[in-house]
Amino acid sequence: MRTSLSLLAAVLCGLAHAQPGTLDTSFGTGGQTLISLGSPFDLLYDLAIQPDDKIVVAGIIGAQGGGAYQDAMIMRFTADGQVDSTFGTNGVVIWTGTGGLDVLRGVDIDADGKVVVAGETQLTGGEWQMFILRLLPDGTLDPSFSGDGVLTRGTSVYNSGSYGRDVRCLPDGSILVCGYEHYTLTQPNYDAVSLWKSSATGGIDPNFGGGSSATFTDLFQDDQSDMGNSMVVLADNSIVVGGTSKNAPDQQLGFSTFNSNGSHLGNNDEFVYAPTTGNDVGNAIVRLPDGRYVLAGGAGFQGVLMGVQPNGVPDPGFGTAGRVDVEFGSSLTRVYAALLDPWDKVLVTGSYFDGTSGYFFLGRYTSTGALDGTFGAGGVATHQFNGFGGDGQAIGLQSDGRIVVGGHTSAGNGYDLFLLRFTNDVATGLPAATPAPAVYAYPSPFTRGFTVEGTAAGGELVLLDALGRRVLSVPTATGRTAVEADLPRGMYSVLVGPGIQAPATLRVVRQ
């Protein structure tokens, strides 16, 4: 996915002791998987890692049967980068919609192992609308969702189109989509941040958006262009959106917060950041364990990271006054995706041009915004595909901590999909995240179970896996709560509260 949940982590047992950020030659062919689906427009926009480490990607493919349109594409690969022929038709699912353009921008895996994708589809008459597909693990559409596995957001008097940019599967089975709507009731027309929530069965969520399942927010009430490109869903289901806001005369990075029911608190929860005097864009947002955020995107002709405190104010402890320029080779650098790794470092990917050639890059930054010199070459790993560059569009972590990056590359006659896998650090310890006084978990690593000390009756202990999904929840006991669970190997986050002095988030590893 483009963005990270606040508790995203992965286990790090059994990794080879290679330099972190080195291309993993055991993946695909020499560390890369390069796929042409036979059209000039095979584009990958997002990926998700299943609990079994298989890789699901989503994007577009040139229209099947000819024509000028593109169709929605989902593809699955084995953990080691081979096409998974057990999914769809020879590993690929293509959805043609109503015959117009169909674009998938986000993918997630729900608690039942179903694949959920979202984007926008062009309806008859030309109007764009957000849509969701839910697929069974074999790639067939799930008939228990909206009757046929397909849910399209209805039209509204407020807009002439809606566009999905990010998707999250929530613990209760509901699905949240972040994007924007095109508003036509005023002149000039403009775009506004939009959130859309579906129930687990594809119905309206009566508790979201005032009963309509959708929200529509004109940030700053300026009647200009506001887009939600990425989101973080917090433990209380409140939502933080990162994106772009055209705060005249320039386009800037945007940050806004929403309640769990989709309501917005107005201008006090809206912030923009202007790294340059030109057009800036926020493509991804991640949340650090201490509650700070990092916005990633572009500023003019270079990439940029913006550190943001929970109240939206630029973080003085990140970079220079909250800003870090991402520039490799030349000023033509783009950052498209970001992810928090298990060591609380920020992975970013995109592309750059050195004046002669294009390159893919994967960079790693510390929580203070400094390039991590222990990763790649001075903090950056680069790659070319048969002499061509590539756009890194999405990052994922497999259960052993290795980094999978996906995107697309121009092979001269169009665009092909790619996956790369990079080595990562070997764990030497387990940092606690937001611990409360006298609350701790042991043993870690564990095999069949663990115990949390410092709990109280009347509370709840929730276990989340590496993708932020709820694995189990149990009531807490006074003083000590034992958890027995036969779980896959990996790093898990333990949320404990209320009933203690402050909610605690701990990390444990199943070896």
Protein backbone atom coordinates (compact mmCIF):
# COMPACT_ATOMS: atom_id res chain seq x y z
CA MET A 1 0.00 0.00 0.00
CA ARG A 2 1.03 3.50 -0.42
CA THR A 3 0.54 4.41 3.10
CA SER A 4 1.36 2.78 6.44
CA LEU A 5 -0.92 2.01 9.35
CA SER A 6 0.47 3.38 12.57
CA LEU A 7 1.41 -0.07 13.88
CA LEU A 8 2.84 -1.54 10.67
CA ALA A 9 5.73 -3.90 11.46
CA ALA A 10 7.19 -7.23 10.35
CA VAL A 11 9.31 -9.85 11.90
CA LEU A 12 12.88 -9.97 11.32
CA CYS A 13 14.01 -13.48 12.15
CA GLY A 14 16.20 -15.52 9.85
CA LEU A 15 17.29 -12.82 7.41
CA ALA A 16 20.60 -13.18 5.66
CA HIS A 17 23.25 -10.88 7.07
CA ALA A 18 23.53 -8.88 3.86
CA GLN A 19 23.85 -5.13 3.72
CA PRO A 20 20.31 -3.77 4.19
CA GLY A 21 19.06 -2.28 0.94
CA THR A 22 20.78 -4.86 -1.28
CA LEU A 23 18.81 -6.41 -4.14
CA ASP A 24 17.74 -9.90 -3.03
CA THR A 25 18.82 -12.20 -5.87
CA SER A 26 16.67 -15.07 -4.55
CA PHE A 27 13.58 -13.15 -5.70
CA GLY A 28 12.25 -13.40 -9.26
CA THR A 29 15.17 -13.38 -11.68
CA GLY A 30 18.23 -11.87 -10.05
CA GLY A 31 16.09 -9.88 -7.60
CA GLN A 32 13.50 -8.54 -10.04
CA THR A 33 10.26 -9.64 -11.66
CA LEU A 34 9.46 -7.82 -14.90
CA ILE A 35 6.06 -8.54 -16.46
CA SER A 36 4.50 -7.45 -19.74
CA LEU A 37 0.78 -8.17 -20.03
CA GLY A 38 0.81 -7.43 -23.74
CA SER A 39 -0.53 -3.89 -23.72
CA PRO A 40 1.24 -0.52 -23.96
CA PHE A 41 -0.21 0.52 -20.60
CA ASP A 42 0.56 -2.04 -17.91
CA LEU A 43 0.77 0.16 -14.82
CA LEU A 44 1.10 -0.88 -11.16
CA TYR A 45 -0.20 1.62 -8.58
CA ASP A 46 -0.35 -0.36 -5.33
CA LEU A 47 0.54 -3.68 -3.70
CA ALA A 48 -0.36 -5.65 -0.58
CA ILE A 49 1.38 -8.57 1.11
CA GLN A 50 -0.76 -11.50 2.21
CA PRO A 51 -0.07 -13.32 5.52
CA ASP A 52 1.55 -16.13 3.48
CA ASP A 53 3.83 -13.51 1.87
CA LYS A 54 2.21 -13.71 -1.55
CA ILE A 55 2.12 -10.33 -3.28
CA VAL A 56 -1.05 -8.82 -4.74
CA VAL A 57 -0.72 -5.85 -7.09
CA ALA A 58 -3.33 -3.55 -8.59
CA GLY A 59 -3.35 -1.06 -11.43
CA ILE A 60 -4.42 -0.92 -15.06
CA ILE A 61 -3.94 -2.79 -18.31
CA GLY A 62 -4.61 -1.56 -21.83
CA ALA A 63 -8.20 -2.28 -22.86
CA GLN A 64 -8.74 -5.87 -23.83
CA GLY A 65 -10.07 -6.14 -27.35
CA GLY A 66 -8.56 -2.83 -28.46
CA GLY A 67 -9.79 0.72 -28.13
CA ALA A 68 -8.41 3.73 -26.34
CA TYR A 69 -9.45 2.73 -22.82
CA GLN A 70 -7.80 0.92 -19.94
CA ASP A 71 -9.21 -1.81 -17.71
CA ALA A 72 -8.70 -2.59 -14.03
CA MET A 73 -6.00 -5.19 -13.31
CA ILE A 74 -5.22 -7.32 -10.25
CA MET A 75 -2.32 -9.79 -10.25
CA ARG A 76 -0.82 -12.11 -7.64
CA PHE A 77 2.73 -13.36 -7.25
CA THR A 78 4.23 -16.02 -5.02
CA ALA A 79 6.39 -14.94 -2.10
CA ASP A 80 9.52 -15.31 -4.23
CA GLY A 81 8.23 -13.25 -7.15
CA GLN A 82 6.80 -15.82 -9.54
CA VAL A 83 3.36 -15.41 -11.16
CA ASP A 84 0.81 -17.26 -9.01
CA SER A 85 -1.22 -19.31 -11.50
CA THR A 86 -3.77 -20.27 -8.80
CA PHE A 87 -5.14 -16.72 -8.87
CA GLY A 88 -7.56 -15.56 -11.57
CA THR A 89 -6.54 -16.62 -15.06
CA ASN A 90 -2.82 -17.42 -15.08
CA GLY A 91 -2.35 -15.09 -12.14
CA VAL A 92 -4.33 -12.13 -13.52
CA VAL A 93 -7.83 -10.73 -12.98
CA ILE A 94 -9.12 -8.08 -15.41
CA TRP A 95 -12.30 -6.10 -14.77
CA THR A 96 -13.72 -4.19 -17.72
CA GLY A 97 -16.45 -2.24 -15.93
CA THR A 98 -18.96 -0.59 -18.25
CA GLY A 99 -16.57 -0.24 -21.16
CA GLY A 100 -14.88 3.03 -20.25
CA LEU A 101 -11.70 3.69 -18.29
CA ASP A 102 -11.28 1.63 -15.12
CA VAL A 103 -8.39 2.41 -12.77
CA LEU A 104 -7.33 0.68 -9.54
CA ARG A 105 -5.35 2.85 -7.12
CA GLY A 106 -5.40 0.87 -3.87
CA VAL A 107 -5.36 -2.74 -2.63
CA ASP A 108 -5.67 -4.33 0.80
CA ILE A 109 -6.22 -7.82 2.25
CA ASP A 110 -9.06 -8.33 4.73
CA ALA A 111 -9.05 -10.57 7.80
CA ASP A 112 -10.54 -13.46 5.80
CA GLY A 113 -7.82 -13.33 3.16
CA LYS A 114 -10.02 -11.68 0.56
CA VAL A 115 -8.51 -9.13 -1.80
CA VAL A 116 -10.10 -5.67 -1.75
CA VAL A 117 -9.26 -3.11 -4.43
CA ALA A 118 -10.57 0.39 -5.10
CA GLY A 119 -10.26 3.16 -7.65
CA GLU A 120 -12.53 4.83 -10.16
CA THR A 121 -14.61 3.62 -13.09
CA GLN A 122 -16.07 5.59 -15.97
CA LEU A 123 -19.80 5.05 -16.16
CA THR A 124 -21.95 5.20 -19.26
CA GLY A 125 -22.18 8.88 -20.12
CA GLY A 126 -18.62 9.58 -19.05
CA GLU A 127 -19.02 10.26 -15.32
CA TRP A 128 -16.32 8.86 -13.00
CA GLN A 129 -17.24 7.14 -9.73
CA MET A 130 -15.33 5.44 -6.94
CA PHE A 131 -15.71 1.67 -6.93
CA ILE A 132 -14.67 -1.34 -4.83
CA LEU A 133 -14.07 -4.94 -5.89
CA ARG A 134 -13.78 -7.74 -3.37
CA LEU A 135 -12.23 -10.98 -4.58
CA LEU A 136 -12.10 -14.41 -3.04
CA PRO A 137 -8.60 -15.83 -2.44
CA ASP A 138 -8.72 -17.54 -5.86
CA GLY A 139 -9.38 -14.24 -7.65
CA THR A 140 -13.09 -14.70 -8.38
CA LEU A 141 -15.48 -11.90 -7.44
CA ASP A 142 -17.01 -12.40 -3.99
CA PRO A 143 -20.82 -12.69 -4.33
CA SER A 144 -21.29 -12.03 -0.60
CA PHE A 145 -20.20 -8.43 -1.24
CA SER A 146 -22.88 -6.27 -2.88
CA GLY A 147 -24.34 -9.37 -4.56
CA ASP A 148 -21.65 -9.68 -7.23
CA GLY A 149 -18.40 -8.49 -5.65
CA VAL A 150 -18.66 -5.02 -7.19
CA LEU A 151 -19.78 -1.82 -5.46
CA THR A 152 -19.94 1.52 -7.25
CA ARG A 153 -20.55 4.71 -5.38
CA GLY A 154 -23.74 6.37 -6.50
CA THR A 155 -23.95 9.78 -8.06
CA SER A 156 -24.69 12.83 -5.94
CA VAL A 157 -26.17 16.26 -6.55
CA TYR A 158 -22.96 17.66 -5.12
CA ASN A 159 -20.54 16.25 -7.64
CA SER A 160 -19.96 15.09 -11.17
CA GLY A 161 -17.50 12.40 -10.27
CA SER A 162 -15.58 10.73 -7.45
CA TYR A 163 -12.09 9.24 -7.51
CA GLY A 164 -10.63 6.60 -5.17
CA ARG A 165 -6.96 6.86 -4.19
CA ASP A 166 -6.47 4.64 -1.12
CA VAL A 167 -8.34 1.77 0.57
CA ARG A 168 -8.29 0.16 4.03
CA CYS A 169 -10.00 -2.98 5.33
CA LEU A 170 -11.10 -2.28 8.91
CA PRO A 171 -11.22 -4.89 11.71
CA ASP A 172 -15.04 -5.18 11.58
CA GLY A 173 -14.94 -6.06 7.87
CA SER A 174 -15.98 -2.63 6.64
CA ILE A 175 -14.02 -0.94 3.85
CA LEU A 176 -12.86 2.69 3.80
CA VAL A 177 -11.88 4.52 0.62
CA CYS A 178 -10.11 7.88 0.52
CA GLY A 179 -10.07 10.15 -2.52
CA TYR A 180 -11.78 13.22 -3.85
CA GLU A 181 -14.92 14.46 -5.57
CA HIS A 182 -15.43 16.91 -8.37
CA TYR A 183 -17.83 19.64 -7.29
CA THR A 184 -19.95 21.39 -9.90
CA LEU A 185 -22.45 23.55 -8.01
CA THR A 186 -20.18 26.58 -8.18
CA GLN A 187 -18.06 28.24 -10.81
CA PRO A 188 -15.29 27.53 -11.25
CA ASN A 189 -15.65 23.83 -10.50
CA TYR A 190 -13.28 22.34 -7.92
CA ASP A 191 -12.28 19.12 -6.12
CA ALA A 192 -12.83 18.25 -2.47
CA VAL A 193 -11.48 15.50 -0.19
CA SER A 194 -13.91 12.60 0.10
CA LEU A 195 -14.18 9.50 2.29
CA TRP A 196 -16.48 6.59 1.47
CA LYS A 197 -17.20 3.66 3.78
CA SER A 198 -18.88 0.39 2.88
CA SER A 199 -20.20 -2.20 5.30
CA ALA A 200 -18.69 -5.68 5.26
CA THR A 201 -21.43 -6.84 2.90
CA GLY A 202 -21.28 -3.85 0.56
CA GLY A 203 -24.13 -1.89 2.10
CA ILE A 204 -24.37 1.64 3.42
CA ASP A 205 -22.74 2.31 6.78
CA PRO A 206 -25.46 4.26 8.64
CA ASN A 207 -22.94 5.60 11.16
CA PHE A 208 -20.67 7.21 8.59
CA GLY A 209 -21.17 10.43 6.68
CA GLY A 210 -24.43 11.28 8.42
CA GLY A 211 -26.00 8.04 7.24
CA SER A 212 -24.96 8.39 3.60
CA SER A 213 -21.73 6.34 3.93
CA ALA A 214 -19.76 9.20 2.36
CA THR A 215 -18.26 12.56 3.24
CA PHE A 216 -17.32 15.54 1.14
CA THR A 217 -15.01 18.23 2.54
CA ASP A 218 -13.85 21.45 0.92
CA LEU A 219 -10.69 22.13 2.89
CA PHE A 220 -10.25 25.80 3.84
CA GLN A 221 -13.59 26.59 2.16
CA ASP A 222 -11.63 28.09 -0.71
CA ASP A 223 -13.50 26.45 -3.62
CA GLN A 224 -10.28 25.13 -5.08
CA SER A 225 -8.67 21.72 -5.59
CA ASP A 226 -8.28 19.41 -2.56
CA MET A 227 -7.39 15.73 -3.01
CA GLY A 228 -7.02 12.94 -0.48
CA ASN A 229 -4.27 10.68 -1.80
CA SER A 230 -3.41 8.60 1.25
CA MET A 231 -4.67 7.94 4.77
CA VAL A 232 -3.83 6.54 8.17
CA VAL A 233 -6.59 4.92 10.25
CA LEU A 234 -5.89 5.18 13.98
CA ALA A 235 -6.81 2.68 16.69
CA ASP A 236 -10.01 4.60 17.50
CA ASN A 237 -10.93 4.57 13.76
CA SER A 238 -10.32 8.29 13.37
CA ILE A 239 -8.72 9.11 10.02
CA VAL A 240 -5.75 11.27 9.05
CA VAL A 241 -5.59 12.19 5.37
CA GLY A 242 -2.54 13.29 3.43
CA GLY A 243 -2.83 14.81 -0.01
CA THR A 244 -2.85 17.99 -2.00
CA SER A 245 -4.58 21.33 -1.54
CA LYS A 246 -4.55 24.19 -3.99
CA ASN A 247 -4.33 27.10 -1.61
CA ALA A 248 -4.14 29.92 -4.17
CA PRO A 249 -2.09 30.52 -6.11
CA ASP A 250 -0.06 27.34 -5.60
CA GLN A 251 -0.73 23.66 -5.06
CA GLN A 252 0.59 22.48 -1.69
CA LEU A 253 0.88 19.42 0.53
CA GLY A 254 -2.26 18.91 2.63
CA PHE A 255 -2.98 17.29 6.01
CA SER A 256 -6.42 16.89 7.58
CA THR A 257 -8.10 14.82 10.31
CA PHE A 258 -11.56 13.24 10.50
CA ASN A 259 -13.56 11.53 13.23
CA SER A 260 -14.43 7.84 13.00
CA ASN A 261 -17.88 8.74 11.62
CA GLY A 262 -16.34 10.75 8.79
CA SER A 263 -17.16 14.14 10.29
CA HIS A 264 -14.62 16.91 9.95
CA LEU A 265 -13.90 19.55 12.56
CA GLY A 266 -13.27 22.38 10.16
CA ASN A 267 -10.30 24.62 9.54
CA ASN A 268 -8.65 23.86 12.88
CA ASP A 269 -7.90 20.36 11.54
CA GLU A 270 -6.63 21.44 8.11
CA PHE A 271 -3.04 22.33 7.30
CA VAL A 272 -1.02 22.97 4.17
CA TYR A 273 2.70 23.09 3.66
CA ALA A 274 4.43 24.93 0.83
CA PRO A 275 7.99 23.61 0.36
CA THR A 276 8.24 25.59 -2.90
CA THR A 277 6.41 28.43 -4.59
CA GLY A 278 5.35 26.07 -7.38
CA ASN A 279 3.08 23.06 -7.48
CA ASP A 280 3.64 20.58 -4.64
CA VAL A 281 1.85 17.26 -4.14
CA GLY A 282 1.42 14.92 -1.17
CA ASN A 283 1.33 11.31 -2.36
CA ALA A 284 1.71 9.32 0.87
CA ILE A 285 1.48 9.64 4.64
CA VAL A 286 2.95 7.50 7.42
CA ARG A 287 2.57 7.72 11.19
CA LEU A 288 5.55 7.27 13.49
CA PRO A 289 5.04 5.35 16.76
CA ASP A 290 5.27 8.54 18.83
CA GLY A 291 2.31 10.04 16.94
CA ARG A 292 4.21 12.25 14.49
CA TYR A 293 3.54 12.00 10.77
CA VAL A 294 5.62 12.16 7.61
CA LEU A 295 4.09 13.40 4.35
CA ALA A 296 5.90 12.27 1.20
CA GLY A 297 5.56 13.68 -2.28
CA GLY A 298 6.91 16.23 -4.69
CA ALA A 299 7.91 19.87 -4.42
CA GLY A 300 8.43 21.44 -7.80
CA PHE A 301 10.98 19.25 -9.59
CA GLN A 302 12.22 17.41 -6.52
CA GLY A 303 10.90 15.00 -3.95
CA VAL A 304 10.08 16.14 -0.44
CA LEU A 305 9.33 14.73 3.02
CA MET A 306 7.43 16.88 5.49
CA GLY A 307 7.45 16.08 9.20
CA VAL A 308 4.17 16.95 10.91
CA GLN A 309 3.25 16.94 14.59
CA PRO A 310 -0.10 15.42 15.64
CA ASN A 311 -1.63 18.92 15.77
CA GLY A 312 -0.61 19.57 12.16
CA VAL A 313 2.27 21.93 12.96
CA PRO A 314 5.57 21.25 11.10
CA ASP A 315 7.82 19.06 13.21
CA PRO A 316 10.98 20.99 14.24
CA GLY A 317 12.70 17.69 15.05
CA PHE A 318 12.42 16.45 11.48
CA GLY A 319 14.85 17.73 8.84
CA THR A 320 15.07 21.50 8.69
CA ALA A 321 11.94 23.07 10.17
CA GLY A 322 10.08 19.89 9.27
CA ARG A 323 11.30 19.63 5.68
CA VAL A 324 13.65 17.18 3.94
CA ASP A 325 14.44 17.50 0.25
CA VAL A 326 14.68 14.21 -1.63
CA GLU A 327 17.01 14.72 -4.55
CA PHE A 328 19.19 12.12 -6.23
CA GLY A 329 21.28 12.77 -9.32
CA SER A 330 19.44 15.91 -10.34
CA SER A 331 16.41 17.97 -9.40
CA LEU A 332 14.10 15.62 -11.35
CA THR A 333 13.14 13.38 -8.44
CA ARG A 334 9.69 12.01 -7.64
CA VAL A 335 8.46 10.30 -4.46
CA TYR A 336 5.30 8.23 -4.90
CA ALA A 337 5.05 5.96 -1.84
CA ALA A 338 6.23 5.66 1.75
CA LEU A 339 6.12 3.02 4.48
CA LEU A 340 7.25 2.75 8.10
CA ASP A 341 9.62 -0.18 8.67
CA PRO A 342 10.00 -2.20 11.90
CA TRP A 343 12.82 0.04 13.15
CA ASP A 344 10.66 3.17 12.90
CA LYS A 345 12.50 4.30 9.79
CA VAL A 346 10.71 5.67 6.74
CA LEU A 347 11.07 3.89 3.41
CA VAL A 348 10.32 5.99 0.32
CA THR A 349 10.33 5.07 -3.35
CA GLY A 350 9.99 6.79 -6.69
CA SER A 351 12.18 7.75 -9.61
CA TYR A 352 14.93 10.17 -10.53
CA PHE A 353 16.84 11.38 -13.60
CA ASP A 354 20.58 12.05 -13.48
CA GLY A 355 20.68 14.21 -16.60
CA THR A 356 21.27 11.25 -18.89
CA SER A 357 19.32 8.24 -17.62
CA GLY A 358 16.35 7.44 -15.45
CA TYR A 359 16.51 5.30 -12.30
CA PHE A 360 14.27 3.64 -9.74
CA PHE A 361 15.17 4.38 -6.12
CA LEU A 362 14.36 3.12 -2.64
CA GLY A 363 15.55 5.33 0.21
CA ARG A 364 15.47 4.94 3.98
CA TYR A 365 15.30 7.85 6.42
CA THR A 366 15.50 7.98 10.19
CA SER A 367 12.67 9.39 12.28
CA THR A 368 14.56 12.71 12.33
CA GLY A 369 14.66 12.92 8.53
CA ALA A 370 18.29 11.93 7.96
CA LEU A 371 19.27 9.44 5.27
CA ASP A 372 20.15 6.13 6.94
CA GLY A 373 23.73 5.44 5.86
CA THR A 374 23.45 1.76 6.87
CA PHE A 375 20.96 1.17 4.05
CA GLY A 376 21.92 0.70 0.39
CA ALA A 377 24.61 3.15 -0.74
CA GLY A 378 24.47 6.07 1.67
CA GLY A 379 20.81 5.46 2.42
CA VAL A 380 19.61 4.78 -1.12
CA ALA A 381 19.26 1.72 -3.38
CA THR A 382 18.87 2.33 -7.14
CA HIS A 383 18.03 0.12 -10.10
CA GLN A 384 17.49 0.15 -13.86
CA PHE A 385 15.51 -2.22 -16.06
CA ASN A 386 17.46 -3.08 -19.21
CA GLY A 387 18.82 0.45 -19.25
CA PHE A 388 15.49 2.12 -18.45
CA GLY A 389 14.36 3.78 -15.24
CA GLY A 390 11.28 2.87 -13.24
CA ASP A 391 8.65 4.52 -11.09
CA GLY A 392 8.45 2.92 -7.64
CA GLN A 393 4.75 3.19 -6.74
CA ALA A 394 4.23 0.95 -3.69
CA ILE A 395 6.14 -0.70 -0.84
CA GLY A 396 5.36 -3.77 1.26
CA LEU A 397 7.09 -5.86 3.94
CA GLN A 398 7.12 -9.64 3.96
CA SER A 399 6.93 -11.53 7.24
CA ASP A 400 10.71 -11.88 7.48
CA GLY A 401 11.20 -8.13 7.04
CA ARG A 402 12.37 -8.12 3.43
CA ILE A 403 11.16 -5.16 1.37
CA VAL A 404 9.07 -5.59 -1.78
CA VAL A 405 8.67 -2.59 -4.08
CA GLY A 406 6.41 -2.47 -7.12
CA GLY A 407 5.84 -0.07 -9.96
CA HIS A 408 6.20 0.23 -13.71
CA THR A 409 8.96 0.93 -16.17
CA SER A 410 9.06 2.16 -19.74
CA ALA A 411 10.61 -0.52 -21.92
CA GLY A 412 10.66 1.73 -24.97
CA ASN A 413 7.35 0.52 -26.44
CA GLY A 414 5.09 1.12 -23.48
CA TYR A 415 5.03 0.28 -19.76
CA ASP A 416 5.62 -3.01 -17.97
CA LEU A 417 5.07 -4.00 -14.34
CA PHE A 418 7.96 -4.68 -12.00
CA LEU A 419 8.60 -6.06 -8.53
CA LEU A 420 11.91 -5.83 -6.67
CA ARG A 421 12.89 -7.29 -3.31
CA PHE A 422 15.55 -5.85 -1.03
CA THR A 423 17.24 -7.21 2.07
CA ASN A 424 16.52 -5.61 5.42
CA ASP A 425 18.11 -5.45 8.86
CA VAL A 426 18.36 -8.39 11.21
CA ALA A 427 16.54 -7.77 14.48
CA THR A 428 18.73 -7.27 17.52
CA GLY A 429 16.01 -6.11 19.91
CA LEU A 430 12.39 -5.12 20.20
CA PRO A 431 11.66 -1.44 20.72
CA ALA A 432 8.51 -0.80 22.71
CA ALA A 433 5.99 1.55 21.15
CA THR A 434 4.12 3.97 23.46
CA PRO A 435 4.47 1.79 26.57
CA ALA A 436 2.52 2.62 29.71
CA PRO A 437 4.11 2.50 33.18
CA ALA A 438 4.56 -1.04 34.53
CA VAL A 439 3.02 -2.70 31.45
CA TYR A 440 5.16 -5.23 29.63
CA ALA A 441 4.92 -8.46 27.63
CA TYR A 442 6.94 -11.68 27.87
CA PRO A 443 8.38 -13.87 26.50
CA SER A 444 9.31 -12.28 23.21
CA PRO A 445 9.97 -14.03 20.91
CA PHE A 446 7.22 -16.49 21.85
CA THR A 447 6.03 -19.75 20.32
CA ARG A 448 2.49 -20.59 21.51
CA GLY A 449 1.61 -17.72 23.78
CA PHE A 450 2.72 -14.76 25.86
CA THR A 451 1.71 -12.86 28.99
CA VAL A 452 1.10 -9.14 29.53
CA GLU A 453 1.73 -7.82 33.03
CA GLY A 454 0.12 -4.66 34.38
CA THR A 455 -3.38 -5.17 32.99
CA ALA A 456 -6.66 -4.72 34.80
CA ALA A 457 -10.10 -6.25 34.70
CA GLY A 458 -12.59 -4.42 32.51
CA GLY A 459 -10.11 -3.70 29.74
CA GLU A 460 -9.30 -5.32 26.41
CA LEU A 461 -6.15 -6.70 24.84
CA VAL A 462 -6.07 -6.52 21.05
CA LEU A 463 -3.45 -8.19 18.87
CA LEU A 464 -2.69 -6.73 15.42
CA ASP A 465 -0.59 -8.41 12.76
CA ALA A 466 2.11 -6.83 10.60
CA LEU A 467 -0.49 -5.25 8.33
CA GLY A 468 -2.42 -3.68 11.20
CA ARG A 469 -5.25 -6.22 11.07
CA ARG A 470 -6.95 -7.47 14.23
CA VAL A 471 -5.89 -11.06 14.89
CA LEU A 472 -7.68 -11.56 18.20
CA SER A 473 -8.97 -9.73 21.23
CA VAL A 474 -9.41 -10.95 24.81
CA PRO A 475 -10.64 -9.29 28.01
CA THR A 476 -7.89 -8.38 30.41
CA ALA A 477 -7.49 -9.83 33.88
CA THR A 478 -6.27 -7.99 36.94
CA GLY A 479 -2.49 -7.91 37.06
CA ARG A 480 -1.77 -10.49 34.38
CA THR A 481 -3.38 -11.52 31.09
CA ALA A 482 -2.23 -14.68 29.32
CA VAL A 483 -2.69 -15.01 25.57
CA GLU A 484 -2.60 -18.41 23.87
CA ALA A 485 -2.55 -18.33 20.08
CA ASP A 486 -1.07 -20.46 17.30
CA LEU A 487 0.01 -17.62 14.99
CA PRO A 488 2.20 -17.34 11.91
CA ARG A 489 5.77 -16.23 12.44
CA GLY A 490 5.99 -12.44 12.58
CA MET A 491 5.97 -9.28 14.65
CA TYR A 492 2.69 -8.30 16.32
CA SER A 493 1.44 -5.20 18.07
CA VAL A 494 -0.37 -5.58 21.39
CA LEU A 495 -2.85 -2.85 22.34
CA VAL A 496 -3.92 -2.82 25.99
CA GLY A 497 -6.56 -0.52 27.50
CA PRO A 498 -8.57 0.95 29.08
CA GLY A 499 -8.31 -0.01 32.73
CA ILE A 500 -4.68 1.02 33.12
CA GLN A 501 -3.22 4.46 33.70
CA ALA A 502 -2.67 5.00 29.97
CA PRO A 503 -3.31 2.80 26.92
CA ALA A 504 -0.19 0.85 25.96
CA THR A 505 1.07 -0.45 22.63
CA LEU A 506 3.70 -3.17 22.90
CA ARG A 507 5.39 -5.37 20.31
CA VAL A 508 5.92 -9.12 20.49
CA VAL A 509 7.46 -11.57 18.05
CA ARG A 510 6.24 -15.07 17.19
CA GLN A 511 9.38 -17.01 16.21
